[in-house]
Amino acid sequence: MRIAISIGLLVLLAAVGAYAYQGLTVDAPVPTYGIVLFTIGIVLLAAVCAGLMGLLFYSSRHGYDEPPHMKR
């Protein structure tokens, strides 16, 4: 069963690689709205990543990651 899953995933990886290669070899210019949308997406992704890392450090330094104390 593992071999079948591995072969299926490798075939899927090869198909995605072939599709990506085909898309990269076409010499078509990217329109201006495409560049704007990519830039907005990258900025939003960086903001979400920075926010999540900030929350991670905040919760770690304020003790929210500690296990609860048991009362006897």
N, C-alpha and C. Protein backbone atom coordinates (compact mmCIF):
# COMPACT_ATOMS: atom_id res chain seq x y z
N MET A 1 0.82 -1.19 0.00
CA MET A 1 0.00 0.00 0.00
C MET A 1 0.87 1.26 0.00
N ARG A 2 1.95 1.25 0.79
CA ARG A 2 2.84 2.41 0.83
C ARG A 2 3.49 2.68 -0.52
N ILE A 3 3.82 1.62 -1.22
CA ILE A 3 4.46 1.79 -2.53
C ILE A 3 3.49 2.43 -3.51
N ALA A 4 2.23 2.03 -3.47
CA ALA A 4 1.23 2.61 -4.37
C ALA A 4 1.03 4.09 -4.08
N ILE A 5 0.97 4.45 -2.81
CA ILE A 5 0.81 5.86 -2.44
C ILE A 5 2.04 6.65 -2.87
N SER A 6 3.23 6.09 -2.64
CA SER A 6 4.46 6.78 -3.04
C SER A 6 4.52 6.99 -4.54
N ILE A 7 4.16 5.98 -5.30
CA ILE A 7 4.17 6.10 -6.76
C ILE A 7 3.15 7.15 -7.21
N GLY A 8 1.98 7.14 -6.60
CA GLY A 8 0.95 8.12 -6.94
C GLY A 8 1.40 9.54 -6.65
N LEU A 9 2.05 9.74 -5.51
CA LEU A 9 2.55 11.08 -5.17
C LEU A 9 3.68 11.51 -6.09
N LEU A 10 4.55 10.58 -6.48
CA LEU A 10 5.62 10.91 -7.41
C LEU A 10 5.08 11.27 -8.79
N VAL A 11 4.03 10.57 -9.23
CA VAL A 11 3.40 10.90 -10.51
C VAL A 11 2.77 12.29 -10.44
N LEU A 12 2.11 12.58 -9.32
CA LEU A 12 1.52 13.90 -9.15
C LEU A 12 2.59 14.98 -9.12
N LEU A 13 3.70 14.72 -8.44
CA LEU A 13 4.81 15.67 -8.41
C LEU A 13 5.38 15.89 -9.80
N ALA A 14 5.52 14.85 -10.58
CA ALA A 14 6.04 14.98 -11.95
C ALA A 14 5.07 15.79 -12.81
N ALA A 15 3.77 15.57 -12.65
CA ALA A 15 2.78 16.31 -13.43
C ALA A 15 2.82 17.79 -13.08
N VAL A 16 2.92 18.11 -11.79
CA VAL A 16 2.99 19.51 -11.37
C VAL A 16 4.29 20.14 -11.88
N GLY A 17 5.39 19.40 -11.82
CA GLY A 17 6.66 19.92 -12.33
C GLY A 17 6.60 20.19 -13.82
N ALA A 18 6.00 19.29 -14.58
CA ALA A 18 5.88 19.49 -16.03
C ALA A 18 5.01 20.70 -16.33
N TYR A 19 3.91 20.87 -15.58
CA TYR A 19 3.03 22.02 -15.78
C TYR A 19 3.75 23.31 -15.44
N ALA A 20 4.52 23.32 -14.34
CA ALA A 20 5.27 24.52 -13.95
C ALA A 20 6.34 24.84 -14.99
N TYR A 21 7.03 23.82 -15.48
CA TYR A 21 8.06 24.04 -16.50
C TYR A 21 7.45 24.63 -17.76
N GLN A 22 6.30 24.11 -18.17
CA GLN A 22 5.63 24.61 -19.36
C GLN A 22 5.22 26.07 -19.16
N GLY A 23 4.74 26.41 -17.97
CA GLY A 23 4.34 27.78 -17.69
C GLY A 23 5.51 28.74 -17.65
N LEU A 24 6.66 28.26 -17.19
CA LEU A 24 7.83 29.13 -17.09
C LEU A 24 8.53 29.34 -18.43
N THR A 25 8.37 28.43 -19.36
CA THR A 25 9.06 28.55 -20.64
C THR A 25 8.30 29.39 -21.64
N VAL A 26 7.03 29.70 -21.38
CA VAL A 26 6.26 30.55 -22.28
C VAL A 26 6.71 31.99 -22.09
N ASP A 27 7.00 32.67 -23.16
CA ASP A 27 7.51 34.04 -23.08
C ASP A 27 6.35 35.02 -23.20
N ALA A 28 5.54 35.11 -22.14
CA ALA A 28 4.41 36.03 -22.13
C ALA A 28 4.64 37.06 -21.02
N PRO A 29 4.42 38.34 -21.33
CA PRO A 29 4.63 39.36 -20.30
C PRO A 29 3.52 39.30 -19.24
N VAL A 30 3.88 39.64 -18.01
CA VAL A 30 2.91 39.69 -16.93
C VAL A 30 2.25 41.06 -16.95
N PRO A 31 0.91 41.11 -16.97
CA PRO A 31 0.25 42.42 -16.99
C PRO A 31 0.47 43.17 -15.67
N THR A 32 0.25 44.46 -15.71
CA THR A 32 0.49 45.31 -14.55
C THR A 32 -0.35 44.89 -13.36
N TYR A 33 -1.64 44.54 -13.60
CA TYR A 33 -2.49 44.14 -12.49
C TYR A 33 -1.98 42.84 -11.84
N GLY A 34 -1.32 42.00 -12.61
CA GLY A 34 -0.74 40.78 -12.04
C GLY A 34 0.39 41.09 -11.08
N ILE A 35 1.24 42.02 -11.46
CA ILE A 35 2.35 42.42 -10.59
C ILE A 35 1.80 43.07 -9.32
N VAL A 36 0.77 43.92 -9.47
CA VAL A 36 0.17 44.57 -8.30
C VAL A 36 -0.44 43.53 -7.36
N LEU A 37 -1.16 42.57 -7.91
CA LEU A 37 -1.79 41.55 -7.07
C LEU A 37 -0.76 40.66 -6.39
N PHE A 38 0.30 40.30 -7.09
CA PHE A 38 1.36 39.51 -6.47
C PHE A 38 2.02 40.29 -5.33
N THR A 39 2.25 41.58 -5.55
CA THR A 39 2.87 42.41 -4.51
C THR A 39 1.97 42.51 -3.28
N ILE A 40 0.67 42.73 -3.49
CA ILE A 40 -0.27 42.79 -2.37
C ILE A 40 -0.30 41.46 -1.63
N GLY A 41 -0.30 40.36 -2.36
CA GLY A 41 -0.31 39.05 -1.73
C GLY A 41 0.94 38.79 -0.90
N ILE A 42 2.08 39.18 -1.41
CA ILE A 42 3.34 38.98 -0.67
C ILE A 42 3.37 39.84 0.58
N VAL A 43 2.90 41.10 0.47
CA VAL A 43 2.88 41.98 1.65
C VAL A 43 1.92 41.43 2.70
N LEU A 44 0.74 40.98 2.30
CA LEU A 44 -0.21 40.41 3.26
C LEU A 44 0.33 39.14 3.89
N LEU A 45 0.99 38.31 3.12
CA LEU A 45 1.58 37.09 3.66
C LEU A 45 2.66 37.42 4.68
N ALA A 46 3.49 38.39 4.38
CA ALA A 46 4.54 38.79 5.32
C ALA A 46 3.93 39.36 6.60
N ALA A 47 2.83 40.13 6.48
CA ALA A 47 2.17 40.70 7.66
C ALA A 47 1.57 39.61 8.53
N VAL A 48 0.94 38.62 7.92
CA VAL A 48 0.35 37.53 8.69
C VAL A 48 1.45 36.73 9.39
N CYS A 49 2.54 36.46 8.69
CA CYS A 49 3.66 35.72 9.29
C CYS A 49 4.26 36.50 10.45
N ALA A 50 4.46 37.79 10.28
CA ALA A 50 5.03 38.61 11.36
C ALA A 50 4.07 38.66 12.54
N GLY A 51 2.78 38.77 12.29
CA GLY A 51 1.80 38.79 13.37
C GLY A 51 1.77 37.49 14.14
N LEU A 52 1.81 36.37 13.43
CA LEU A 52 1.79 35.07 14.11
C LEU A 52 3.07 34.85 14.92
N MET A 53 4.21 35.27 14.39
CA MET A 53 5.44 35.15 15.15
C MET A 53 5.41 36.04 16.39
N GLY A 54 4.84 37.24 16.24
CA GLY A 54 4.70 38.13 17.40
C GLY A 54 3.82 37.51 18.47
N LEU A 55 2.71 36.90 18.07
CA LEU A 55 1.85 36.22 19.04
C LEU A 55 2.55 35.05 19.70
N LEU A 56 3.36 34.35 18.94
CA LEU A 56 4.11 33.22 19.50
C LEU A 56 5.07 33.69 20.59
N PHE A 57 5.82 34.75 20.31
CA PHE A 57 6.76 35.26 21.31
C PHE A 57 6.02 35.87 22.50
N TYR A 58 4.90 36.54 22.26
CA TYR A 58 4.13 37.15 23.34
C TYR A 58 3.61 36.08 24.29
N SER A 59 3.01 35.03 23.73
CA SER A 59 2.45 33.99 24.58
C SER A 59 3.54 33.23 25.32
N SER A 60 4.70 33.07 24.70
CA SER A 60 5.80 32.36 25.35
C SER A 60 6.36 33.17 26.52
N ARG A 61 6.48 34.47 26.36
CA ARG A 61 7.09 35.31 27.40
C ARG A 61 6.13 35.63 28.53
N HIS A 62 4.82 35.52 28.30
CA HIS A 62 3.86 35.84 29.35
C HIS A 62 3.29 34.59 30.02
N GLY A 63 3.84 33.44 29.75
CA GLY A 63 3.48 32.22 30.45
C GLY A 63 2.23 31.51 29.95
N TYR A 64 1.71 31.90 28.80
CA TYR A 64 0.51 31.24 28.28
C TYR A 64 0.80 29.83 27.75
N ASP A 65 2.06 29.52 27.53
CA ASP A 65 2.42 28.20 27.02
C ASP A 65 2.71 27.19 28.13
N GLU A 66 2.65 27.63 29.37
CA GLU A 66 2.93 26.74 30.50
C GLU A 66 1.71 25.86 30.78
N PRO A 67 1.94 24.64 31.27
CA PRO A 67 0.79 23.80 31.63
C PRO A 67 0.08 24.39 32.85
N PRO A 68 -1.21 24.11 33.00
CA PRO A 68 -1.96 24.66 34.15
C PRO A 68 -1.47 24.02 35.45
N HIS A 69 -1.55 24.78 36.52
CA HIS A 69 -1.13 24.29 37.82
C HIS A 69 -2.31 23.57 38.48
N MET A 70 -2.01 22.42 39.04
CA MET A 70 -3.06 21.62 39.69
C MET A 70 -3.19 22.08 41.14
N LYS A 71 -4.43 22.30 41.59
CA LYS A 71 -4.69 22.65 42.98
C LYS A 71 -4.95 21.37 43.77
N ARG A 72 -4.42 21.32 44.99
CA ARG A 72 -4.63 20.12 45.82
C ARG A 72 -5.63 20.36 46.89
